[in-house]
Amino acid sequence: SLLGKPYAWGGNGPNYFDCSGFTSYVYKHAEGKTIPRVSYQQAKYGTFVSRGNYLPGDLLYFATTGTGNPSHVGIYVGNNTFIHASGSASKPDKVKLSTLSGYYLNALLGARRF
């Protein structure tokens, strides 16, 4: 039901989201779990999941700023696909589905399960 919601830096929902605002909102409202608010903190929380062993609901962490540090996060939904609030403050996008290939596969740092 959140697909297509607009991206906004610092957005916590339910009408606007940034990437980690989206993941923390989904976990709180769908699972009743509270997780850290920002992507680099979320990347330290939960249990590490090795590459290729992802299950729907696992959080995927990406380095998208060139620093090698977690800067983007999404939720794996299965079939090599994840949902995320895509965009940046200067180039906002929306909550959408993306394939874990190409750019995102190269930027992938890891996954966590809660």
PDB file of N, CA and C in Angstrom:
ATOM      1  N   SER A   1       0.814  -1.210   0.000  1.00  0.00           N
ATOM      2  CA  SER A   1       0.000   0.000   0.000  1.00  0.00           C
ATOM      3  C   SER A   1       0.852   1.267   0.000  1.00  0.00           C
ATOM      4  N   LEU A   2       2.160   1.143   0.238  1.00  0.00           N
ATOM      5  CA  LEU A   2       3.039   2.310   0.288  1.00  0.00           C
ATOM      6  C   LEU A   2       3.763   2.567  -1.038  1.00  0.00           C
ATOM      7  N   LEU A   3       3.615   1.659  -1.987  1.00  0.00           N
ATOM      8  CA  LEU A   3       4.231   1.867  -3.293  1.00  0.00           C
ATOM      9  C   LEU A   3       3.776   3.195  -3.880  1.00  0.00           C
ATOM     10  N   GLY A   4       4.718   3.952  -4.411  1.00  0.00           N
ATOM     11  CA  GLY A   4       4.401   5.225  -5.041  1.00  0.00           C
ATOM     12  C   GLY A   4       4.405   6.418  -4.112  1.00  0.00           C
ATOM     13  N   LYS A   5       4.502   6.192  -2.795  1.00  0.00           N
ATOM     14  CA  LYS A   5       4.569   7.335  -1.870  1.00  0.00           C
ATOM     15  C   LYS A   5       5.840   8.127  -2.178  1.00  0.00           C
ATOM     16  N   PRO A   6       5.788   9.433  -2.134  1.00  0.00           N
ATOM     17  CA  PRO A   6       6.945  10.238  -2.518  1.00  0.00           C
ATOM     18  C   PRO A   6       8.095  10.175  -1.513  1.00  0.00           C
ATOM     19  N   TYR A   7       9.307  10.339  -2.053  1.00  0.00           N
ATOM     20  CA  TYR A   7      10.513  10.427  -1.253  1.00  0.00           C
ATOM     21  C   TYR A   7      10.643  11.845  -0.710  1.00  0.00           C
ATOM     22  N   ALA A   8      11.042  11.946   0.553  1.00  0.00           N
ATOM     23  CA  ALA A   8      11.385  13.235   1.160  1.00  0.00           C
ATOM     24  C   ALA A   8      12.465  12.972   2.195  1.00  0.00           C
ATOM     25  N   TRP A   9      13.573  13.703   2.103  1.00  0.00           N
ATOM     26  CA  TRP A   9      14.679  13.552   3.051  1.00  0.00           C
ATOM     27  C   TRP A   9      14.141  13.717   4.471  1.00  0.00           C
ATOM     28  N   GLY A  10      14.406  12.755   5.346  1.00  0.00           N
ATOM     29  CA  GLY A  10      13.938  12.798   6.722  1.00  0.00           C
ATOM     30  C   GLY A  10      12.504  12.333   6.902  1.00  0.00           C
ATOM     31  N   GLY A  11      11.856  11.892   5.815  1.00  0.00           N
ATOM     32  CA  GLY A  11      10.455  11.474   5.881  1.00  0.00           C
ATOM     33  C   GLY A  11      10.272  10.178   6.643  1.00  0.00           C
ATOM     34  N   ASN A  12       9.352  10.199   7.607  1.00  0.00           N
ATOM     35  CA  ASN A  12       9.059   9.029   8.435  1.00  0.00           C
ATOM     36  C   ASN A  12       7.712   8.398   8.127  1.00  0.00           C
ATOM     37  N   GLY A  13       6.981   8.932   7.136  1.00  0.00           N
ATOM     38  CA  GLY A  13       5.681   8.388   6.776  1.00  0.00           C
ATOM     39  C   GLY A  13       4.562   8.996   7.576  1.00  0.00           C
ATOM     40  N   PRO A  14       3.354   8.701   7.263  1.00  0.00           N
ATOM     41  CA  PRO A  14       2.968   7.735   6.227  1.00  0.00           C
ATOM     42  C   PRO A  14       2.833   8.333   4.821  1.00  0.00           C
ATOM     43  N   ASN A  15       3.001   9.640   4.667  1.00  0.00           N
ATOM     44  CA  ASN A  15       2.808  10.241   3.345  1.00  0.00           C
ATOM     45  C   ASN A  15       4.097  10.464   2.578  1.00  0.00           C
ATOM     46  N   TYR A  16       5.227  10.581   3.274  1.00  0.00           N
ATOM     47  CA  TYR A  16       6.545  10.794   2.672  1.00  0.00           C
ATOM     48  C   TYR A  16       7.562   9.943   3.410  1.00  0.00           C
ATOM     49  N   PHE A  17       8.563   9.461   2.683  1.00  0.00           N
ATOM     50  CA  PHE A  17       9.587   8.616   3.296  1.00  0.00           C
ATOM     51  C   PHE A  17      10.962   8.917   2.725  1.00  0.00           C
ATOM     52  N   ASP A  18      12.004   8.769   3.566  1.00  0.00           N
ATOM     53  CA  ASP A  18      13.328   8.532   3.036  1.00  0.00           C
ATOM     54  C   ASP A  18      13.573   7.034   3.243  1.00  0.00           C
ATOM     55  N   CYS A  19      14.726   6.535   2.822  1.00  0.00           N
ATOM     56  CA  CYS A  19      14.898   5.078   2.814  1.00  0.00           C
ATOM     57  C   CYS A  19      14.783   4.445   4.196  1.00  0.00           C
ATOM     58  N   SER A  20      15.476   5.004   5.179  1.00  0.00           N
ATOM     59  CA  SER A  20      15.445   4.392   6.511  1.00  0.00           C
ATOM     60  C   SER A  20      14.163   4.737   7.258  1.00  0.00           C
ATOM     61  N   GLY A  21      13.552   5.851   6.936  1.00  0.00           N
ATOM     62  CA  GLY A  21      12.234   6.163   7.484  1.00  0.00           C
ATOM     63  C   GLY A  21      11.213   5.149   7.009  1.00  0.00           C
ATOM     64  N   PHE A  22      11.340   4.748   5.749  1.00  0.00           N
ATOM     65  CA  PHE A  22      10.450   3.735   5.187  1.00  0.00           C
ATOM     66  C   PHE A  22      10.630   2.389   5.885  1.00  0.00           C
ATOM     67  N   THR A  23      11.881   1.932   6.020  1.00  0.00           N
ATOM     68  CA  THR A  23      12.095   0.624   6.635  1.00  0.00           C
ATOM     69  C   THR A  23      11.678   0.613   8.102  1.00  0.00           C
ATOM     70  N   SER A  24      11.980   1.674   8.834  1.00  0.00           N
ATOM     71  CA  SER A  24      11.583   1.698  10.246  1.00  0.00           C
ATOM     72  C   SER A  24      10.061   1.773  10.373  1.00  0.00           C
ATOM     73  N   TYR A  25       9.391   2.501   9.482  1.00  0.00           N
ATOM     74  CA  TYR A  25       7.924   2.591   9.492  1.00  0.00           C
ATOM     75  C   TYR A  25       7.310   1.215   9.224  1.00  0.00           C
ATOM     76  N   VAL A  26       7.802   0.531   8.201  1.00  0.00           N
ATOM     77  CA  VAL A  26       7.254  -0.785   7.848  1.00  0.00           C
ATOM     78  C   VAL A  26       7.447  -1.768   8.988  1.00  0.00           C
ATOM     79  N   TYR A  27       8.636  -1.826   9.562  1.00  0.00           N
ATOM     80  CA  TYR A  27       8.861  -2.760  10.662  1.00  0.00           C
ATOM     81  C   TYR A  27       7.959  -2.441  11.856  1.00  0.00           C
ATOM     82  N   LYS A  28       7.782  -1.176  12.156  1.00  0.00           N
ATOM     83  CA  LYS A  28       6.947  -0.811  13.300  1.00  0.00           C
ATOM     84  C   LYS A  28       5.480  -1.148  13.051  1.00  0.00           C
ATOM     85  N   HIS A  29       4.978  -0.841  11.851  1.00  0.00           N
ATOM     86  CA  HIS A  29       3.554  -1.013  11.590  1.00  0.00           C
ATOM     87  C   HIS A  29       3.158  -2.406  11.095  1.00  0.00           C
ATOM     88  N   ALA A  30       4.072  -3.112  10.442  1.00  0.00           N
ATOM     89  CA  ALA A  30       3.739  -4.443   9.940  1.00  0.00           C
ATOM     90  C   ALA A  30       4.177  -5.549  10.893  1.00  0.00           C
ATOM     91  N   GLU A  31       5.260  -5.316  11.622  1.00  0.00           N
ATOM     92  CA  GLU A  31       5.823  -6.350  12.490  1.00  0.00           C
ATOM     93  C   GLU A  31       5.752  -6.005  13.968  1.00  0.00           C
ATOM     94  N   GLY A  32       5.433  -4.742  14.288  1.00  0.00           N
ATOM     95  CA  GLY A  32       5.414  -4.320  15.674  1.00  0.00           C
ATOM     96  C   GLY A  32       6.800  -4.218  16.287  1.00  0.00           C
ATOM     97  N   LYS A  33       7.832  -4.093  15.428  1.00  0.00           N
ATOM     98  CA  LYS A  33       9.211  -4.035  15.899  1.00  0.00           C
ATOM     99  C   LYS A  33       9.772  -2.632  15.707  1.00  0.00           C
ATOM    100  N   THR A  34      10.516  -2.176  16.694  1.00  0.00           N
ATOM    101  CA  THR A  34      11.191  -0.887  16.595  1.00  0.00           C
ATOM    102  C   THR A  34      12.646  -1.139  16.260  1.00  0.00           C
ATOM    103  N   ILE A  35      13.099  -0.543  15.169  1.00  0.00           N
ATOM    104  CA  ILE A  35      14.490  -0.664  14.762  1.00  0.00           C
ATOM    105  C   ILE A  35      15.089   0.740  14.705  1.00  0.00           C
ATOM    106  N   PRO A  36      16.411   0.858  14.692  1.00  0.00           N
ATOM    107  CA  PRO A  36      17.010   2.191  14.613  1.00  0.00           C
ATOM    108  C   PRO A  36      16.493   2.973  13.407  1.00  0.00           C
ATOM    109  N   ARG A  37      16.578   4.293  13.473  1.00  0.00           N
ATOM    110  CA  ARG A  37      15.987   5.148  12.454  1.00  0.00           C
ATOM    111  C   ARG A  37      16.820   5.314  11.191  1.00  0.00           C
ATOM    112  N   VAL A  38      18.149   5.350  11.293  1.00  0.00           N
ATOM    113  CA  VAL A  38      18.967   5.667  10.116  1.00  0.00           C
ATOM    114  C   VAL A  38      19.685   4.427   9.579  1.00  0.00           C
ATOM    115  N   SER A  39      19.974   4.438   8.283  1.00  0.00           N
ATOM    116  CA  SER A  39      20.490   3.245   7.602  1.00  0.00           C
ATOM    117  C   SER A  39      21.777   2.702   8.212  1.00  0.00           C
ATOM    118  N   TYR A  40      22.731   3.563   8.556  1.00  0.00           N
ATOM    119  CA  TYR A  40      23.997   3.045   9.083  1.00  0.00           C
ATOM    120  C   TYR A  40      23.813   2.407  10.455  1.00  0.00           C
ATOM    121  N   GLN A  41      22.808   2.845  11.223  1.00  0.00           N
ATOM    122  CA  GLN A  41      22.518   2.192  12.501  1.00  0.00           C
ATOM    123  C   GLN A  41      21.755   0.890  12.279  1.00  0.00           C
ATOM    124  N   GLN A  42      20.827   0.891  11.315  1.00  0.00           N
ATOM    125  CA  GLN A  42      20.087  -0.327  10.997  1.00  0.00           C
ATOM    126  C   GLN A  42      21.039  -1.434  10.538  1.00  0.00           C
ATOM    127  N   ALA A  43      22.131  -1.059   9.864  1.00  0.00           N
ATOM    128  CA  ALA A  43      23.092  -2.031   9.341  1.00  0.00           C
ATOM    129  C   ALA A  43      23.860  -2.749  10.440  1.00  0.00           C
ATOM    130  N   LYS A  44      23.786  -2.251  11.655  1.00  0.00           N
ATOM    131  CA  LYS A  44      24.470  -2.876  12.788  1.00  0.00           C
ATOM    132  C   LYS A  44      23.514  -3.689  13.663  1.00  0.00           C
ATOM    133  N   TYR A  45      22.229  -3.634  13.361  1.00  0.00           N
ATOM    134  CA  TYR A  45      21.178  -4.196  14.189  1.00  0.00           C
ATOM    135  C   TYR A  45      20.713  -5.518  13.576  1.00  0.00           C
ATOM    136  N   GLY A  46      20.298  -6.443  14.395  1.00  0.00           N
ATOM    137  CA  GLY A  46      19.789  -7.707  13.880  1.00  0.00           C
ATOM    138  C   GLY A  46      20.901  -8.699  13.608  1.00  0.00           C
ATOM    139  N   THR A  47      20.562  -9.744  12.875  1.00  0.00           N
ATOM    140  CA  THR A  47      21.471 -10.843  12.577  1.00  0.00           C
ATOM    141  C   THR A  47      21.936 -10.764  11.135  1.00  0.00           C
ATOM    142  N   PHE A  48      23.243 -10.893  10.922  1.00  0.00           N
ATOM    143  CA  PHE A  48      23.807 -10.900   9.582  1.00  0.00           C
ATOM    144  C   PHE A  48      23.229 -12.040   8.757  1.00  0.00           C
ATOM    145  N   VAL A  49      22.941 -11.776   7.491  1.00  0.00           N
ATOM    146  CA  VAL A  49      22.462 -12.784   6.548  1.00  0.00           C
ATOM    147  C   VAL A  49      23.455 -12.841   5.391  1.00  0.00           C
ATOM    148  N   SER A  50      23.961 -14.025   5.106  1.00  0.00           N
ATOM    149  CA  SER A  50      24.962 -14.155   4.038  1.00  0.00           C
ATOM    150  C   SER A  50      24.322 -13.992   2.663  1.00  0.00           C
ATOM    151  N   ARG A  51      25.135 -13.540   1.732  1.00  0.00           N
ATOM    152  CA  ARG A  51      24.679 -13.270   0.361  1.00  0.00           C
ATOM    153  C   ARG A  51      24.036 -14.520  -0.237  1.00  0.00           C
ATOM    154  N   GLY A  52      22.888 -14.311  -0.852  1.00  0.00           N
ATOM    155  CA  GLY A  52      22.174 -15.403  -1.484  1.00  0.00           C
ATOM    156  C   GLY A  52      21.215 -16.139  -0.563  1.00  0.00           C
ATOM    157  N   ASN A  53      21.205 -15.804   0.726  1.00  0.00           N
ATOM    158  CA  ASN A  53      20.320 -16.465   1.682  1.00  0.00           C
ATOM    159  C   ASN A  53      19.230 -15.531   2.189  1.00  0.00           C
ATOM    160  N   TYR A  54      18.878 -14.550   1.394  1.00  0.00           N
ATOM    161  CA  TYR A  54      17.890 -13.551   1.807  1.00  0.00           C
ATOM    162  C   TYR A  54      16.486 -14.134   1.786  1.00  0.00           C
ATOM    163  N   LEU A  55      15.713 -13.697   2.771  1.00  0.00           N
ATOM    164  CA  LEU A  55      14.305 -14.062   2.865  1.00  0.00           C
ATOM    165  C   LEU A  55      13.476 -12.784   2.843  1.00  0.00           C
ATOM    166  N   PRO A  56      12.227 -12.868   2.379  1.00  0.00           N
ATOM    167  CA  PRO A  56      11.373 -11.683   2.428  1.00  0.00           C
ATOM    168  C   PRO A  56      11.357 -11.084   3.833  1.00  0.00           C
ATOM    169  N   GLY A  57      11.541  -9.780   3.905  1.00  0.00           N
ATOM    170  CA  GLY A  57      11.588  -9.075   5.180  1.00  0.00           C
ATOM    171  C   GLY A  57      12.985  -8.713   5.624  1.00  0.00           C
ATOM    172  N   ASP A  58      14.012  -9.333   5.037  1.00  0.00           N
ATOM    173  CA  ASP A  58      15.389  -8.971   5.381  1.00  0.00           C
ATOM    174  C   ASP A  58      15.685  -7.559   4.880  1.00  0.00           C
ATOM    175  N   LEU A  59      16.460  -6.821   5.656  1.00  0.00           N
ATOM    176  CA  LEU A  59      16.879  -5.488   5.232  1.00  0.00           C
ATOM    177  C   LEU A  59      18.174  -5.603   4.442  1.00  0.00           C
ATOM    178  N   LEU A  60      18.234  -4.940   3.300  1.00  0.00           N
ATOM    179  CA  LEU A  60      19.421  -4.905   2.458  1.00  0.00           C
ATOM    180  C   LEU A  60      20.071  -3.541   2.593  1.00  0.00           C
ATOM    181  N   TYR A  61      21.386  -3.523   2.745  1.00  0.00           N
ATOM    182  CA  TYR A  61      22.134  -2.281   2.949  1.00  0.00           C
ATOM    183  C   TYR A  61      23.053  -2.016   1.776  1.00  0.00           C
ATOM    184  N   PHE A  62      23.113  -0.764   1.371  1.00  0.00           N
ATOM    185  CA  PHE A  62      23.858  -0.371   0.188  1.00  0.00           C
ATOM    186  C   PHE A  62      24.769   0.813   0.480  1.00  0.00           C
ATOM    187  N   ALA A  63      25.900   0.851  -0.218  1.00  0.00           N
ATOM    188  CA  ALA A  63      26.791   2.009  -0.207  1.00  0.00           C
ATOM    189  C   ALA A  63      26.525   2.768  -1.507  1.00  0.00           C
ATOM    190  N   THR A  64      25.840   3.887  -1.405  1.00  0.00           N
ATOM    191  CA  THR A  64      25.437   4.627  -2.604  1.00  0.00           C
ATOM    192  C   THR A  64      26.078   6.001  -2.707  1.00  0.00           C
ATOM    193  N   THR A  65      26.940   6.346  -1.749  1.00  0.00           N
ATOM    194  CA  THR A  65      27.527   7.683  -1.758  1.00  0.00           C
ATOM    195  C   THR A  65      29.016   7.677  -2.075  1.00  0.00           C
ATOM    196  N   GLY A  66      29.593   6.515  -2.343  1.00  0.00           N
ATOM    197  CA  GLY A  66      31.004   6.434  -2.675  1.00  0.00           C
ATOM    198  C   GLY A  66      31.930   6.302  -1.482  1.00  0.00           C
ATOM    199  N   THR A  67      31.379   6.246  -0.269  1.00  0.00           N
ATOM    200  CA  THR A  67      32.219   6.146   0.928  1.00  0.00           C
ATOM    201  C   THR A  67      32.467   4.699   1.357  1.00  0.00           C
ATOM    202  N   GLY A  68      31.683   3.775   0.826  1.00  0.00           N
ATOM    203  CA  GLY A  68      31.782   2.387   1.258  1.00  0.00           C
ATOM    204  C   GLY A  68      30.994   2.098   2.516  1.00  0.00           C
ATOM    205  N   ASN A  69      30.316   3.110   3.062  1.00  0.00           N
ATOM    206  CA  ASN A  69      29.505   2.955   4.274  1.00  0.00           C
ATOM    207  C   ASN A  69      28.026   2.836   3.911  1.00  0.00           C
ATOM    208  N   PRO A  70      27.238   2.193   4.770  1.00  0.00           N
ATOM    209  CA  PRO A  70      25.798   2.096   4.502  1.00  0.00           C
ATOM    210  C   PRO A  70      25.164   3.479   4.368  1.00  0.00           C
ATOM    211  N   SER A  71      24.488   3.692   3.262  1.00  0.00           N
ATOM    212  CA  SER A  71      23.824   4.969   3.012  1.00  0.00           C
ATOM    213  C   SER A  71      22.440   4.795   2.420  1.00  0.00           C
ATOM    214  N   HIS A  72      22.049   3.556   2.180  1.00  0.00           N
ATOM    215  CA  HIS A  72      20.714   3.279   1.633  1.00  0.00           C
ATOM    216  C   HIS A  72      20.269   1.920   2.150  1.00  0.00           C
ATOM    217  N   VAL A  73      18.968   1.753   2.307  1.00  0.00           N
ATOM    218  CA  VAL A  73      18.428   0.506   2.832  1.00  0.00           C
ATOM    219  C   VAL A  73      17.080   0.221   2.170  1.00  0.00           C
ATOM    220  N   GLY A  74      16.801  -1.058   1.984  1.00  0.00           N
ATOM    221  CA  GLY A  74      15.523  -1.499   1.441  1.00  0.00           C
ATOM    222  C   GLY A  74      15.137  -2.826   2.062  1.00  0.00           C
ATOM    223  N   ILE A  75      13.956  -3.299   1.735  1.00  0.00           N
ATOM    224  CA  ILE A  75      13.435  -4.550   2.284  1.00  0.00           C
ATOM    225  C   ILE A  75      13.312  -5.573   1.161  1.00  0.00           C
ATOM    226  N   TYR A  76      13.972  -6.713   1.335  1.00  0.00           N
ATOM    227  CA  TYR A  76      13.898  -7.789   0.350  1.00  0.00           C
ATOM    228  C   TYR A  76      12.479  -8.353   0.341  1.00  0.00           C
ATOM    229  N   VAL A  77      11.911  -8.548  -0.864  1.00  0.00           N
ATOM    230  CA  VAL A  77      10.555  -9.089  -0.975  1.00  0.00           C
ATOM    231  C   VAL A  77      10.516 -10.445  -1.673  1.00  0.00           C
ATOM    232  N   GLY A  78      11.677 -10.926  -2.114  1.00  0.00           N
ATOM    233  CA  GLY A  78      11.752 -12.215  -2.795  1.00  0.00           C
ATOM    234  C   GLY A  78      12.006 -12.043  -4.280  1.00  0.00           C
ATOM    235  N   ASN A  79      12.351 -13.143  -4.939  1.00  0.00           N
ATOM    236  CA  ASN A  79      12.586 -13.155  -6.381  1.00  0.00           C
ATOM    237  C   ASN A  79      13.565 -12.081  -6.833  1.00  0.00           C
ATOM    238  N   ASN A  80      14.630 -11.888  -6.045  1.00  0.00           N
ATOM    239  CA  ASN A  80      15.689 -10.923  -6.388  1.00  0.00           C
ATOM    240  C   ASN A  80      15.176  -9.485  -6.485  1.00  0.00           C
ATOM    241  N   THR A  81      14.137  -9.171  -5.716  1.00  0.00           N
ATOM    242  CA  THR A  81      13.494  -7.857  -5.750  1.00  0.00           C
ATOM    243  C   THR A  81      13.422  -7.289  -4.340  1.00  0.00           C
ATOM    244  N   PHE A  82      13.538  -5.961  -4.246  1.00  0.00           N
ATOM    245  CA  PHE A  82      13.389  -5.300  -2.957  1.00  0.00           C
ATOM    246  C   PHE A  82      12.571  -4.026  -3.134  1.00  0.00           C
ATOM    247  N   ILE A  83      11.974  -3.583  -2.025  1.00  0.00           N
ATOM    248  CA  ILE A  83      11.190  -2.350  -1.996  1.00  0.00           C
ATOM    249  C   ILE A  83      11.968  -1.329  -1.182  1.00  0.00           C
ATOM    250  N   HIS A  84      11.937  -0.077  -1.655  1.00  0.00           N
ATOM    251  CA  HIS A  84      12.705   0.966  -0.970  1.00  0.00           C
ATOM    252  C   HIS A  84      12.178   2.334  -1.357  1.00  0.00           C
ATOM    253  N   ALA A  85      12.468   3.302  -0.493  1.00  0.00           N
ATOM    254  CA  ALA A  85      12.183   4.705  -0.799  1.00  0.00           C
ATOM    255  C   ALA A  85      13.409   5.227  -1.522  1.00  0.00           C
ATOM    256  N   SER A  86      13.277   5.386  -2.816  1.00  0.00           N
ATOM    257  CA  SER A  86      14.395   5.743  -3.665  1.00  0.00           C
ATOM    258  C   SER A  86      14.475   7.250  -3.861  1.00  0.00           C
ATOM    259  N   GLY A  87      15.692   7.753  -3.882  1.00  0.00           N
ATOM    260  CA  GLY A  87      15.880   9.171  -4.159  1.00  0.00           C
ATOM    261  C   GLY A  87      16.880   9.808  -3.228  1.00  0.00           C
ATOM    262  N   SER A  88      16.996  11.115  -3.361  1.00  0.00           N
ATOM    263  CA  SER A  88      17.865  11.910  -2.504  1.00  0.00           C
ATOM    264  C   SER A  88      17.200  13.269  -2.317  1.00  0.00           C
ATOM    265  N   ALA A  89      17.787  14.099  -1.470  1.00  0.00           N
ATOM    266  CA  ALA A  89      17.214  15.423  -1.235  1.00  0.00           C
ATOM    267  C   ALA A  89      17.157  16.221  -2.529  1.00  0.00           C
ATOM    268  N   SER A  90      18.169  16.068  -3.381  1.00  0.00           N
ATOM    269  CA  SER A  90      18.201  16.839  -4.622  1.00  0.00           C
ATOM    270  C   SER A  90      17.484  16.153  -5.784  1.00  0.00           C
ATOM    271  N   LYS A  91      17.295  14.831  -5.698  1.00  0.00           N
ATOM    272  CA  LYS A  91      16.609  14.078  -6.752  1.00  0.00           C
ATOM    273  C   LYS A  91      15.601  13.120  -6.124  1.00  0.00           C
ATOM    274  N   PRO A  92      14.519  13.631  -5.554  1.00  0.00           N
ATOM    275  CA  PRO A  92      13.543  12.755  -4.909  1.00  0.00           C
ATOM    276  C   PRO A  92      12.837  11.851  -5.916  1.00  0.00           C
ATOM    277  N   ASP A  93      12.519  10.658  -5.475  1.00  0.00           N
ATOM    278  CA  ASP A  93      11.795   9.705  -6.307  1.00  0.00           C
ATOM    279  C   ASP A  93      10.573   9.238  -5.535  1.00  0.00           C
ATOM    280  N   LYS A  94      10.462   7.936  -5.271  1.00  0.00           N
ATOM    281  CA  LYS A  94       9.280   7.403  -4.582  1.00  0.00           C
ATOM    282  C   LYS A  94       9.588   6.019  -4.028  1.00  0.00           C
ATOM    283  N   VAL A  95       8.646   5.474  -3.295  1.00  0.00           N
ATOM    284  CA  VAL A  95       8.733   4.092  -2.840  1.00  0.00           C
ATOM    285  C   VAL A  95       8.461   3.213  -4.059  1.00  0.00           C
ATOM    286  N   LYS A  96       9.406   2.314  -4.340  1.00  0.00           N
ATOM    287  CA  LYS A  96       9.255   1.483  -5.530  1.00  0.00           C
ATOM    288  C   LYS A  96       9.964   0.152  -5.361  1.00  0.00           C
ATOM    289  N   LEU A  97       9.695  -0.750  -6.274  1.00  0.00           N
ATOM    290  CA  LEU A  97      10.364  -2.037  -6.338  1.00  0.00           C
ATOM    291  C   LEU A  97      11.549  -1.921  -7.286  1.00  0.00           C
ATOM    292  N   SER A  98      12.661  -2.548  -6.918  1.00  0.00           N
ATOM    293  CA  SER A  98      13.836  -2.593  -7.780  1.00  0.00           C
ATOM    294  C   SER A  98      14.408  -3.998  -7.757  1.00  0.00           C
ATOM    295  N   THR A  99      15.126  -4.329  -8.810  1.00  0.00           N
ATOM    296  CA  THR A  99      15.783  -5.624  -8.914  1.00  0.00           C
ATOM    297  C   THR A  99      17.174  -5.543  -8.300  1.00  0.00           C
ATOM    298  N   LEU A 100      17.536  -6.586  -7.601  1.00  0.00           N
ATOM    299  CA  LEU A 100      18.854  -6.674  -6.986  1.00  0.00           C
ATOM    300  C   LEU A 100      19.848  -7.135  -8.053  1.00  0.00           C
ATOM    301  N   SER A 101      20.185  -6.200  -8.939  1.00  0.00           N
ATOM    302  CA  SER A 101      21.129  -6.471 -10.022  1.00  0.00           C
ATOM    303  C   SER A 101      21.779  -5.151 -10.421  1.00  0.00           C
ATOM    304  N   GLY A 102      22.778  -5.207 -11.284  1.00  0.00           N
ATOM    305  CA  GLY A 102      23.411  -4.006 -11.793  1.00  0.00           C
ATOM    306  C   GLY A 102      23.897  -3.092 -10.684  1.00  0.00           C
ATOM    307  N   TYR A 103      23.462  -1.845 -10.734  1.00  0.00           N
ATOM    308  CA  TYR A 103      23.876  -0.829  -9.762  1.00  0.00           C
ATOM    309  C   TYR A 103      23.670  -1.295  -8.324  1.00  0.00           C
ATOM    310  N   TYR A 104      22.467  -1.785  -8.026  1.00  0.00           N
ATOM    311  CA  TYR A 104      22.174  -2.165  -6.641  1.00  0.00           C
ATOM    312  C   TYR A 104      22.974  -3.388  -6.200  1.00  0.00           C
ATOM    313  N   LEU A 105      23.194  -4.339  -7.059  1.00  0.00           N
ATOM    314  CA  LEU A 105      24.000  -5.497  -6.687  1.00  0.00           C
ATOM    315  C   LEU A 105      25.438  -5.070  -6.409  1.00  0.00           C
ATOM    316  N   ASN A 106      25.963  -4.161  -7.211  1.00  0.00           N
ATOM    317  CA  ASN A 106      27.328  -3.665  -6.996  1.00  0.00           C
ATOM    318  C   ASN A 106      27.459  -2.842  -5.726  1.00  0.00           C
ATOM    319  N   ALA A 107      26.394  -2.139  -5.349  1.00  0.00           N
ATOM    320  CA  ALA A 107      26.422  -1.283  -4.141  1.00  0.00           C
ATOM    321  C   ALA A 107      26.060  -2.055  -2.872  1.00  0.00           C
ATOM    322  N   LEU A 108      25.585  -3.289  -3.009  1.00  0.00           N
ATOM    323  CA  LEU A 108      25.120  -4.072  -1.859  1.00  0.00           C
ATOM    324  C   LEU A 108      26.252  -4.363  -0.884  1.00  0.00           C
ATOM    325  N   LEU A 109      26.021  -4.034   0.375  1.00  0.00           N
ATOM    326  CA  LEU A 109      26.992  -4.315   1.443  1.00  0.00           C
ATOM    327  C   LEU A 109      26.630  -5.551   2.232  1.00  0.00           C
ATOM    328  N   GLY A 110      25.329  -5.826   2.387  1.00  0.00           N
ATOM    329  CA  GLY A 110      24.913  -6.966   3.175  1.00  0.00           C
ATOM    330  C   GLY A 110      23.454  -6.908   3.518  1.00  0.00           C
ATOM    331  N   ALA A 111      23.062  -7.805   4.417  1.00  0.00           N
ATOM    332  CA  ALA A 111      21.661  -7.905   4.822  1.00  0.00           C
ATOM    333  C   ALA A 111      21.581  -8.253   6.293  1.00  0.00           C
ATOM    334  N   ARG A 112      20.462  -7.876   6.901  1.00  0.00           N
ATOM    335  CA  ARG A 112      20.183  -8.160   8.301  1.00  0.00           C
ATOM    336  C   ARG A 112      18.772  -8.697   8.443  1.00  0.00           C
ATOM    337  N   ARG A 113      18.601  -9.570   9.408  1.00  0.00           N
ATOM    338  CA  ARG A 113      17.289 -10.148   9.699  1.00  0.00           C
ATOM    339  C   ARG A 113      16.928  -9.833  11.134  1.00  0.00           C
ATOM    340  N   PHE A 114      15.650  -9.501  11.364  1.00  0.00           N
ATOM    341  CA  PHE A 114      15.178  -9.137  12.698  1.00  0.00           C
ATOM    342  C   PHE A 114      14.156 -10.134  13.190  1.00  0.00           C
TER     343      PHE A 114
END
